[in-house]
Amino acid sequence: MVAIHIETRCPLCHRSVPGDVQHWCRCGKAMDPRCYDAHGDWCAVRGDDGWIGALER
């Protein structure tokens, strides 16, 4: 069996993030674990300033 290693780019810092350390938000974005908390404030789904995240989509 072959393991598939999927990476994505963080929408905040644009670093490549391996699948095993990605943090997924309810808005559907996968991000670097260091950026996850910063994303919370402007997230379109769960943030206090969600209107900012909605504009980013």
C-alpha atoms as a PDB file:
ATOM      1  CA  MET A   1       0.000   0.000   0.000  1.00  0.00           C
ATOM      2  CA  VAL A   2       1.317   3.437  -0.946  1.00  0.00           C
ATOM      3  CA  ALA A   3       0.838   6.398   1.376  1.00  0.00           C
ATOM      4  CA  ILE A   4      -0.251   9.594  -0.323  1.00  0.00           C
ATOM      5  CA  HIS A   5       1.270  12.786   1.042  1.00  0.00           C
ATOM      6  CA  ILE A   6      -0.949  15.758   0.211  1.00  0.00           C
ATOM      7  CA  GLU A   7       0.232  19.304   0.781  1.00  0.00           C
ATOM      8  CA  THR A   8      -1.632  22.553   0.418  1.00  0.00           C
ATOM      9  CA  ARG A   9      -0.729  26.211   0.757  1.00  0.00           C
ATOM     10  CA  CYS A  10      -1.907  28.129   3.795  1.00  0.00           C
ATOM     11  CA  PRO A  11      -4.256  30.981   2.764  1.00  0.00           C
ATOM     12  CA  LEU A  12      -2.657  33.284   5.354  1.00  0.00           C
ATOM     13  CA  CYS A  13       1.110  32.708   5.208  1.00  0.00           C
ATOM     14  CA  HIS A  14       1.224  30.886   1.833  1.00  0.00           C
ATOM     15  CA  ARG A  15       3.637  28.263   3.187  1.00  0.00           C
ATOM     16  CA  SER A  16       3.297  24.708   2.000  1.00  0.00           C
ATOM     17  CA  VAL A  17       1.531  22.672   4.705  1.00  0.00           C
ATOM     18  CA  PRO A  18       1.807  18.860   4.752  1.00  0.00           C
ATOM     19  CA  GLY A  19      -1.462  16.981   5.213  1.00  0.00           C
ATOM     20  CA  ASP A  20      -0.515  15.592   8.618  1.00  0.00           C
ATOM     21  CA  VAL A  21      -0.261  19.062  10.220  1.00  0.00           C
ATOM     22  CA  GLN A  22      -3.067  20.902   8.416  1.00  0.00           C
ATOM     23  CA  HIS A  23      -5.733  22.492  10.562  1.00  0.00           C
ATOM     24  CA  TRP A  24      -9.147  22.592   8.894  1.00  0.00           C
ATOM     25  CA  CYS A  25     -11.633  25.324   9.719  1.00  0.00           C
ATOM     26  CA  ARG A  26     -15.416  25.035   9.424  1.00  0.00           C
ATOM     27  CA  CYS A  27     -15.240  27.497   6.514  1.00  0.00           C
ATOM     28  CA  GLY A  28     -13.386  24.869   4.473  1.00  0.00           C
ATOM     29  CA  LYS A  29      -9.871  26.307   4.530  1.00  0.00           C
ATOM     30  CA  ALA A  30      -6.858  24.176   5.438  1.00  0.00           C
ATOM     31  CA  MET A  31      -4.041  26.112   7.033  1.00  0.00           C
ATOM     32  CA  ASP A  32      -0.776  26.064   8.893  1.00  0.00           C
ATOM     33  CA  PRO A  33      -1.332  25.331  12.594  1.00  0.00           C
ATOM     34  CA  ARG A  34       0.383  28.614  13.510  1.00  0.00           C
ATOM     35  CA  CYS A  35      -2.125  30.570  11.416  1.00  0.00           C
ATOM     36  CA  TYR A  36      -5.247  28.770  12.610  1.00  0.00           C
ATOM     37  CA  ASP A  37      -5.772  30.978  15.685  1.00  0.00           C
ATOM     38  CA  ALA A  38      -5.146  34.179  13.722  1.00  0.00           C
ATOM     39  CA  HIS A  39      -7.742  33.094  11.159  1.00  0.00           C
ATOM     40  CA  GLY A  40     -10.441  32.692  13.817  1.00  0.00           C
ATOM     41  CA  ASP A  41     -11.186  36.401  14.189  1.00  0.00           C
ATOM     42  CA  TRP A  42     -11.981  36.999  10.514  1.00  0.00           C
ATOM     43  CA  CYS A  43     -13.313  33.581   9.558  1.00  0.00           C
ATOM     44  CA  ALA A  44     -16.500  33.852   7.483  1.00  0.00           C
ATOM     45  CA  VAL A  45     -18.139  31.113   9.580  1.00  0.00           C
ATOM     46  CA  ARG A  46     -16.946  31.509  13.155  1.00  0.00           C
ATOM     47  CA  GLY A  47     -15.287  34.923  13.475  1.00  0.00           C
ATOM     48  CA  ASP A  48     -16.365  38.134  15.156  1.00  0.00           C
ATOM     49  CA  ASP A  49     -15.210  39.987  12.048  1.00  0.00           C
ATOM     50  CA  GLY A  50     -16.655  37.378   9.693  1.00  0.00           C
ATOM     51  CA  TRP A  51     -17.569  39.960   7.098  1.00  0.00           C
ATOM     52  CA  ILE A  52     -13.825  40.334   6.362  1.00  0.00           C
ATOM     53  CA  GLY A  53     -13.504  36.588   5.746  1.00  0.00           C
ATOM     54  CA  ALA A  54     -16.611  36.640   3.588  1.00  0.00           C
ATOM     55  CA  LEU A  55     -15.011  39.282   1.372  1.00  0.00           C
ATOM     56  CA  GLU A  56     -11.827  37.200   1.107  1.00  0.00           C
ATOM     57  CA  ARG A  57     -13.765  34.244  -0.370  1.00  0.00           C
END
